[in-house]
Amino acid sequence: MKLKCIIADDEPVARRLLQEYIGDIDFLELKASVENALKVNSLLKSEPVDLLFLDINMPKLSGIEFLRTATSLPMVIMTTAYAEYARDGFDLDVLDYLLKPISFQRFLKAVEKAKHYYATHQSPAAIASRPSGATEENDHIFVKTGTILKKIFYDDILFAEAQENYVAIHTTGEPCAEVTGAIPVFAGSPVANSKSSADLAKIV
């Protein structure tokens, strides 16, 4: 299984680096590399795409503006030199947020997350096994760990440990997230029926 990718970035050097990284990953296939978000629209209409690497500061239409106006999108990994847009990106359901200059190690971590997400949420097998009425909108939570807002998918949670004044959430392939304060929950989530923080330790 290969994830079909598009790069949208107005910087030639940034495009070349991402092209090189994609070429080194056996489960990624680059379909196009463009310099603005306007060209992404036409590409998405003409060709199936699984993953979009999207810059933020681009001429005519920024990456954030594109996400706000697009109606149907593949998985999105944002690539930018500006950390202050991270909250906007996660509010728009991006899968990951890569800060330039992007190391290969960080790139690999992001695309492994995309591979896992595709296998568990968007592959034909995952869609066929999805419970009736389930949507991708209630498959994750945002938690604050330190000063960082972190997106955690319920399917990635291995278990959680209730400590004295925080909860340590252990997920697949990630260091544990130490969360202080209340954890937001939604109907149908693994933590929705928890009566106390100690119940979180029962998550499998």
C-alpha atoms as a PDB file:
ATOM      1  CA  MET A   1       0.000   0.000   0.000  1.00  0.00           C
ATOM      2  CA  LYS A   2       1.403   3.374  -1.044  1.00  0.00           C
ATOM      3  CA  LEU A   3       0.074   6.730   0.109  1.00  0.00           C
ATOM      4  CA  LYS A   4      -0.294   9.087  -2.861  1.00  0.00           C
ATOM      5  CA  CYS A   5       1.141  12.503  -1.963  1.00  0.00           C
ATOM      6  CA  ILE A   6       1.075  16.115  -3.142  1.00  0.00           C
ATOM      7  CA  ILE A   7       3.453  18.872  -2.054  1.00  0.00           C
ATOM      8  CA  ALA A   8       2.237  22.487  -2.017  1.00  0.00           C
ATOM      9  CA  ASP A   9       4.974  24.979  -1.152  1.00  0.00           C
ATOM     10  CA  ASP A  10       6.108  28.184  -2.834  1.00  0.00           C
ATOM     11  CA  GLU A  11       9.773  27.623  -1.905  1.00  0.00           C
ATOM     12  CA  PRO A  12      11.686  25.502  -4.456  1.00  0.00           C
ATOM     13  CA  VAL A  13      14.246  24.406  -1.836  1.00  0.00           C
ATOM     14  CA  ALA A  14      11.487  23.216   0.504  1.00  0.00           C
ATOM     15  CA  ARG A  15       9.789  21.307  -2.331  1.00  0.00           C
ATOM     16  CA  ARG A  16      13.039  19.595  -3.294  1.00  0.00           C
ATOM     17  CA  LEU A  17      13.714  18.539   0.304  1.00  0.00           C
ATOM     18  CA  LEU A  18      10.238  17.017   0.690  1.00  0.00           C
ATOM     19  CA  GLN A  19      10.584  15.292  -2.691  1.00  0.00           C
ATOM     20  CA  GLU A  20      13.862  13.751  -1.509  1.00  0.00           C
ATOM     21  CA  TYR A  21      12.331  12.602   1.775  1.00  0.00           C
ATOM     22  CA  ILE A  22       9.290  11.105   0.030  1.00  0.00           C
ATOM     23  CA  GLY A  23      11.563   9.241  -2.369  1.00  0.00           C
ATOM     24  CA  ASP A  24      13.288   7.598   0.600  1.00  0.00           C
ATOM     25  CA  ILE A  25      10.036   6.207   2.067  1.00  0.00           C
ATOM     26  CA  ASP A  26       8.778   3.024   0.426  1.00  0.00           C
ATOM     27  CA  PHE A  27       5.110   3.566   1.330  1.00  0.00           C
ATOM     28  CA  LEU A  28       4.914   7.080  -0.160  1.00  0.00           C
ATOM     29  CA  GLU A  29       4.355   7.967  -3.821  1.00  0.00           C
ATOM     30  CA  LEU A  30       4.688  11.565  -5.004  1.00  0.00           C
ATOM     31  CA  LYS A  31       1.994  12.484  -7.529  1.00  0.00           C
ATOM     32  CA  ALA A  32       2.668  16.222  -7.886  1.00  0.00           C
ATOM     33  CA  SER A  33       4.652  19.140  -6.489  1.00  0.00           C
ATOM     34  CA  VAL A  34       3.141  22.621  -6.888  1.00  0.00           C
ATOM     35  CA  GLU A  35       3.963  26.132  -5.762  1.00  0.00           C
ATOM     36  CA  ASN A  36       0.554  27.345  -4.605  1.00  0.00           C
ATOM     37  CA  ALA A  37      -2.669  26.108  -3.024  1.00  0.00           C
ATOM     38  CA  LEU A  38      -4.806  27.037  -6.036  1.00  0.00           C
ATOM     39  CA  LYS A  39      -3.207  24.253  -8.075  1.00  0.00           C
ATOM     40  CA  VAL A  40      -3.991  21.740  -5.313  1.00  0.00           C
ATOM     41  CA  ASN A  41      -7.717  22.176  -5.908  1.00  0.00           C
ATOM     42  CA  SER A  42      -7.551  21.066  -9.520  1.00  0.00           C
ATOM     43  CA  LEU A  43      -5.231  18.175  -8.662  1.00  0.00           C
ATOM     44  CA  LEU A  44      -7.593  16.868  -5.980  1.00  0.00           C
ATOM     45  CA  LYS A  45     -10.449  16.900  -8.485  1.00  0.00           C
ATOM     46  CA  SER A  46      -8.524  15.000 -11.146  1.00  0.00           C
ATOM     47  CA  GLU A  47      -6.564  12.429  -9.159  1.00  0.00           C
ATOM     48  CA  PRO A  48      -7.001  10.439  -5.919  1.00  0.00           C
ATOM     49  CA  VAL A  49      -4.664  11.745  -3.221  1.00  0.00           C
ATOM     50  CA  ASP A  50      -4.105  10.363   0.279  1.00  0.00           C
ATOM     51  CA  LEU A  51      -1.699  12.889   1.814  1.00  0.00           C
ATOM     52  CA  LEU A  52      -1.028  16.596   1.296  1.00  0.00           C
ATOM     53  CA  PHE A  53       2.094  18.384   2.519  1.00  0.00           C
ATOM     54  CA  LEU A  54       0.864  21.966   2.794  1.00  0.00           C
ATOM     55  CA  ASP A  55       2.872  25.133   3.403  1.00  0.00           C
ATOM     56  CA  ILE A  56       1.134  28.039   5.148  1.00  0.00           C
ATOM     57  CA  ASN A  57       2.612  31.250   3.711  1.00  0.00           C
ATOM     58  CA  MET A  58       1.944  31.061  -0.019  1.00  0.00           C
ATOM     59  CA  PRO A  59       0.886  33.745  -2.530  1.00  0.00           C
ATOM     60  CA  LYS A  60      -2.808  34.417  -3.305  1.00  0.00           C
ATOM     61  CA  LEU A  61      -4.157  31.731  -0.964  1.00  0.00           C
ATOM     62  CA  SER A  62      -2.455  30.673   2.266  1.00  0.00           C
ATOM     63  CA  GLY A  63      -2.479  27.105   3.502  1.00  0.00           C
ATOM     64  CA  ILE A  64      -4.818  28.055   6.363  1.00  0.00           C
ATOM     65  CA  GLU A  65      -7.210  29.833   3.972  1.00  0.00           C
ATOM     66  CA  PHE A  66      -7.142  26.825   1.664  1.00  0.00           C
ATOM     67  CA  LEU A  67      -8.084  24.460   4.501  1.00  0.00           C
ATOM     68  CA  ARG A  68     -10.941  26.738   5.560  1.00  0.00           C
ATOM     69  CA  THR A  69     -12.432  26.846   2.075  1.00  0.00           C
ATOM     70  CA  ALA A  70     -11.802  23.288   0.851  1.00  0.00           C
ATOM     71  CA  THR A  71     -14.735  20.885   1.037  1.00  0.00           C
ATOM     72  CA  SER A  72     -13.026  17.527   0.633  1.00  0.00           C
ATOM     73  CA  LEU A  73      -9.456  16.927   1.727  1.00  0.00           C
ATOM     74  CA  PRO A  74      -6.985  14.086   2.096  1.00  0.00           C
ATOM     75  CA  MET A  75      -4.843  13.787   5.223  1.00  0.00           C
ATOM     76  CA  VAL A  76      -2.877  17.019   5.694  1.00  0.00           C
ATOM     77  CA  ILE A  77       0.570  17.582   7.180  1.00  0.00           C
ATOM     78  CA  MET A  78       1.426  21.267   7.474  1.00  0.00           C
ATOM     79  CA  THR A  79       4.969  22.453   6.725  1.00  0.00           C
ATOM     80  CA  THR A  80       5.934  25.926   7.883  1.00  0.00           C
ATOM     81  CA  ALA A  81       8.552  28.062   9.585  1.00  0.00           C
ATOM     82  CA  TYR A  82       5.942  29.644  11.876  1.00  0.00           C
ATOM     83  CA  ALA A  83       5.045  27.846  15.120  1.00  0.00           C
ATOM     84  CA  GLU A  84       2.247  30.314  15.931  1.00  0.00           C
ATOM     85  CA  TYR A  85      -0.070  28.729  13.355  1.00  0.00           C
ATOM     86  CA  ALA A  86      -0.064  25.321  15.068  1.00  0.00           C
ATOM     87  CA  ARG A  87      -3.361  25.907  16.904  1.00  0.00           C
ATOM     88  CA  ASP A  88      -5.052  27.015  13.656  1.00  0.00           C
ATOM     89  CA  GLY A  89      -3.782  23.911  11.913  1.00  0.00           C
ATOM     90  CA  PHE A  90      -5.023  21.504  14.559  1.00  0.00           C
ATOM     91  CA  ASP A  91      -8.374  23.320  14.739  1.00  0.00           C
ATOM     92  CA  LEU A  92      -8.662  22.482  11.035  1.00  0.00           C
ATOM     93  CA  ASP A  93      -7.904  18.808  11.694  1.00  0.00           C
ATOM     94  CA  VAL A  94      -4.416  18.577  10.221  1.00  0.00           C
ATOM     95  CA  LEU A  95      -2.664  15.322  11.028  1.00  0.00           C
ATOM     96  CA  ASP A  96       0.693  16.840  11.978  1.00  0.00           C
ATOM     97  CA  TYR A  97       2.591  20.122  11.953  1.00  0.00           C
ATOM     98  CA  LEU A  98       6.214  20.201  10.772  1.00  0.00           C
ATOM     99  CA  LEU A  99       8.400  23.202  11.557  1.00  0.00           C
ATOM    100  CA  LYS A 100      11.089  24.159   9.042  1.00  0.00           C
ATOM    101  CA  PRO A 101      13.878  23.267   8.744  1.00  0.00           C
ATOM    102  CA  ILE A 102      12.389  19.764   8.716  1.00  0.00           C
ATOM    103  CA  SER A 103      14.661  16.910   9.760  1.00  0.00           C
ATOM    104  CA  PHE A 104      14.240  13.497   8.170  1.00  0.00           C
ATOM    105  CA  GLN A 105      13.601  11.968  11.602  1.00  0.00           C
ATOM    106  CA  ARG A 106      10.682  14.344  12.252  1.00  0.00           C
ATOM    107  CA  PHE A 107       9.362  13.823   8.716  1.00  0.00           C
ATOM    108  CA  LEU A 108       9.460  10.053   9.180  1.00  0.00           C
ATOM    109  CA  LYS A 109       7.546  10.306  12.452  1.00  0.00           C
ATOM    110  CA  ALA A 110       4.825  12.377  10.741  1.00  0.00           C
ATOM    111  CA  VAL A 111       4.386  10.050   7.767  1.00  0.00           C
ATOM    112  CA  GLU A 112       4.353   6.968  10.005  1.00  0.00           C
ATOM    113  CA  LYS A 113       1.467   8.638  11.826  1.00  0.00           C
ATOM    114  CA  ALA A 114      -0.240   9.202   8.461  1.00  0.00           C
ATOM    115  CA  LYS A 115       0.288   5.559   7.504  1.00  0.00           C
ATOM    116  CA  HIS A 116      -1.239   4.386  10.784  1.00  0.00           C
ATOM    117  CA  TYR A 117      -4.148   6.819  10.488  1.00  0.00           C
ATOM    118  CA  TYR A 118      -4.889   5.702   6.939  1.00  0.00           C
ATOM    119  CA  ALA A 119      -4.826   2.023   7.926  1.00  0.00           C
ATOM    120  CA  THR A 120      -7.168   2.543  10.888  1.00  0.00           C
ATOM    121  CA  HIS A 121      -9.493   5.226   9.500  1.00  0.00           C
ATOM    122  CA  GLN A 122      -9.442   5.628   5.722  1.00  0.00           C
ATOM    123  CA  SER A 123      -8.464   2.317   4.142  1.00  0.00           C
ATOM    124  CA  PRO A 124     -11.313   0.293   2.588  1.00  0.00           C
ATOM    125  CA  ALA A 125     -10.987  -2.259   5.412  1.00  0.00           C
ATOM    126  CA  ALA A 126     -11.169   0.427   8.117  1.00  0.00           C
ATOM    127  CA  ILE A 127     -14.213   2.076   6.527  1.00  0.00           C
ATOM    128  CA  ALA A 128     -15.987  -1.264   6.162  1.00  0.00           C
ATOM    129  CA  SER A 129     -15.435  -2.068   9.846  1.00  0.00           C
ATOM    130  CA  ARG A 130     -16.491   1.364  11.137  1.00  0.00           C
ATOM    131  CA  PRO A 131     -19.575   1.197  13.399  1.00  0.00           C
ATOM    132  CA  SER A 132     -22.774   2.632  11.964  1.00  0.00           C
ATOM    133  CA  GLY A 133     -22.977   6.364  12.639  1.00  0.00           C
ATOM    134  CA  ALA A 134     -19.296   6.678  13.586  1.00  0.00           C
ATOM    135  CA  THR A 135     -17.414   9.613  12.070  1.00  0.00           C
ATOM    136  CA  GLU A 136     -13.846  10.863  11.986  1.00  0.00           C
ATOM    137  CA  GLU A 137     -14.936  13.961  13.913  1.00  0.00           C
ATOM    138  CA  ASN A 138     -15.213  12.106  17.233  1.00  0.00           C
ATOM    139  CA  ASP A 139     -12.116   9.924  16.960  1.00  0.00           C
ATOM    140  CA  HIS A 140      -9.695  12.173  18.841  1.00  0.00           C
ATOM    141  CA  ILE A 141      -9.210  14.671  21.643  1.00  0.00           C
ATOM    142  CA  PHE A 142      -6.908  17.643  22.187  1.00  0.00           C
ATOM    143  CA  VAL A 143      -5.048  17.780  25.478  1.00  0.00           C
ATOM    144  CA  LYS A 144      -2.615  20.323  26.870  1.00  0.00           C
ATOM    145  CA  THR A 145       0.744  18.917  27.920  1.00  0.00           C
ATOM    146  CA  GLY A 146       3.015  21.630  29.236  1.00  0.00           C
ATOM    147  CA  THR A 147       2.581  24.538  26.829  1.00  0.00           C
ATOM    148  CA  ILE A 148       1.787  22.307  23.836  1.00  0.00           C
ATOM    149  CA  LEU A 149      -1.679  21.381  22.542  1.00  0.00           C
ATOM    150  CA  LYS A 150      -1.473  17.729  21.510  1.00  0.00           C
ATOM    151  CA  LYS A 151      -3.892  15.804  19.283  1.00  0.00           C
ATOM    152  CA  ILE A 152      -4.457  12.213  20.446  1.00  0.00           C
ATOM    153  CA  PHE A 153      -6.457   9.626  18.511  1.00  0.00           C
ATOM    154  CA  TYR A 154      -8.470   7.223  20.650  1.00  0.00           C
ATOM    155  CA  ASP A 155      -7.253   4.275  18.566  1.00  0.00           C
ATOM    156  CA  ASP A 156      -3.650   5.179  19.478  1.00  0.00           C
ATOM    157  CA  ILE A 157      -4.223   5.088  23.253  1.00  0.00           C
ATOM    158  CA  LEU A 158      -2.633   2.062  24.909  1.00  0.00           C
ATOM    159  CA  PHE A 159      -3.404   2.961  28.517  1.00  0.00           C
ATOM    160  CA  ALA A 160      -3.413   5.889  30.937  1.00  0.00           C
ATOM    161  CA  GLU A 161      -2.056   6.285  34.439  1.00  0.00           C
ATOM    162  CA  ALA A 162      -3.772   8.510  36.990  1.00  0.00           C
ATOM    163  CA  GLN A 163      -1.166  10.309  39.087  1.00  0.00           C
ATOM    164  CA  GLU A 164      -1.621  12.733  41.980  1.00  0.00           C
ATOM    165  CA  ASN A 165      -2.210  15.858  39.912  1.00  0.00           C
ATOM    166  CA  TYR A 166      -1.922  14.738  36.302  1.00  0.00           C
ATOM    167  CA  VAL A 167      -2.760  11.869  33.954  1.00  0.00           C
ATOM    168  CA  ALA A 168      -0.076  10.131  31.871  1.00  0.00           C
ATOM    169  CA  ILE A 169      -1.547   8.936  28.558  1.00  0.00           C
ATOM    170  CA  HIS A 170       0.539   6.300  26.756  1.00  0.00           C
ATOM    171  CA  THR A 171       0.044   6.002  22.990  1.00  0.00           C
ATOM    172  CA  THR A 172       1.512   3.929  20.164  1.00  0.00           C
ATOM    173  CA  GLY A 173       4.899   5.153  18.998  1.00  0.00           C
ATOM    174  CA  GLU A 174       4.865   8.306  21.141  1.00  0.00           C
ATOM    175  CA  PRO A 175       6.288   9.349  24.515  1.00  0.00           C
ATOM    176  CA  CYS A 176       3.535   9.535  27.120  1.00  0.00           C
ATOM    177  CA  ALA A 177       1.587  12.797  27.360  1.00  0.00           C
ATOM    178  CA  GLU A 178       1.391  14.142  30.913  1.00  0.00           C
ATOM    179  CA  VAL A 179      -1.901  16.013  31.118  1.00  0.00           C
ATOM    180  CA  THR A 180      -2.825  18.357  33.926  1.00  0.00           C
ATOM    181  CA  GLY A 181      -6.407  19.409  34.573  1.00  0.00           C
ATOM    182  CA  ALA A 182      -9.549  17.973  33.055  1.00  0.00           C
ATOM    183  CA  ILE A 183      -9.480  15.814  29.936  1.00  0.00           C
ATOM    184  CA  PRO A 184     -12.204  16.722  27.400  1.00  0.00           C
ATOM    185  CA  VAL A 185     -14.373  13.761  26.402  1.00  0.00           C
ATOM    186  CA  PHE A 186     -17.072  13.165  23.824  1.00  0.00           C
ATOM    187  CA  ALA A 187     -19.879  10.660  23.498  1.00  0.00           C
ATOM    188  CA  GLY A 188     -18.571   7.374  22.204  1.00  0.00           C
ATOM    189  CA  SER A 189     -14.990   7.967  23.291  1.00  0.00           C
ATOM    190  CA  PRO A 190     -13.127   5.457  25.468  1.00  0.00           C
ATOM    191  CA  VAL A 191     -13.091   7.963  28.342  1.00  0.00           C
ATOM    192  CA  ALA A 192     -16.652   9.226  27.995  1.00  0.00           C
ATOM    193  CA  ASN A 193     -18.009   6.978  30.748  1.00  0.00           C
ATOM    194  CA  SER A 194     -15.096   7.372  33.168  1.00  0.00           C
ATOM    195  CA  LYS A 195     -16.276   8.408  36.638  1.00  0.00           C
ATOM    196  CA  SER A 196     -12.832   9.322  37.930  1.00  0.00           C
ATOM    197  CA  SER A 197      -9.303   9.848  36.671  1.00  0.00           C
ATOM    198  CA  ALA A 198      -8.433   6.381  37.988  1.00  0.00           C
ATOM    199  CA  ASP A 199     -10.783   4.872  35.390  1.00  0.00           C
ATOM    200  CA  LEU A 200      -8.449   6.095  32.658  1.00  0.00           C
ATOM    201  CA  ALA A 201      -5.980   3.402  33.619  1.00  0.00           C
ATOM    202  CA  LYS A 202      -8.458   0.857  32.285  1.00  0.00           C
ATOM    203  CA  ILE A 203      -8.237   2.136  28.709  1.00  0.00           C
ATOM    204  CA  VAL A 204      -6.822  -0.536  26.377  1.00  0.00           C
END
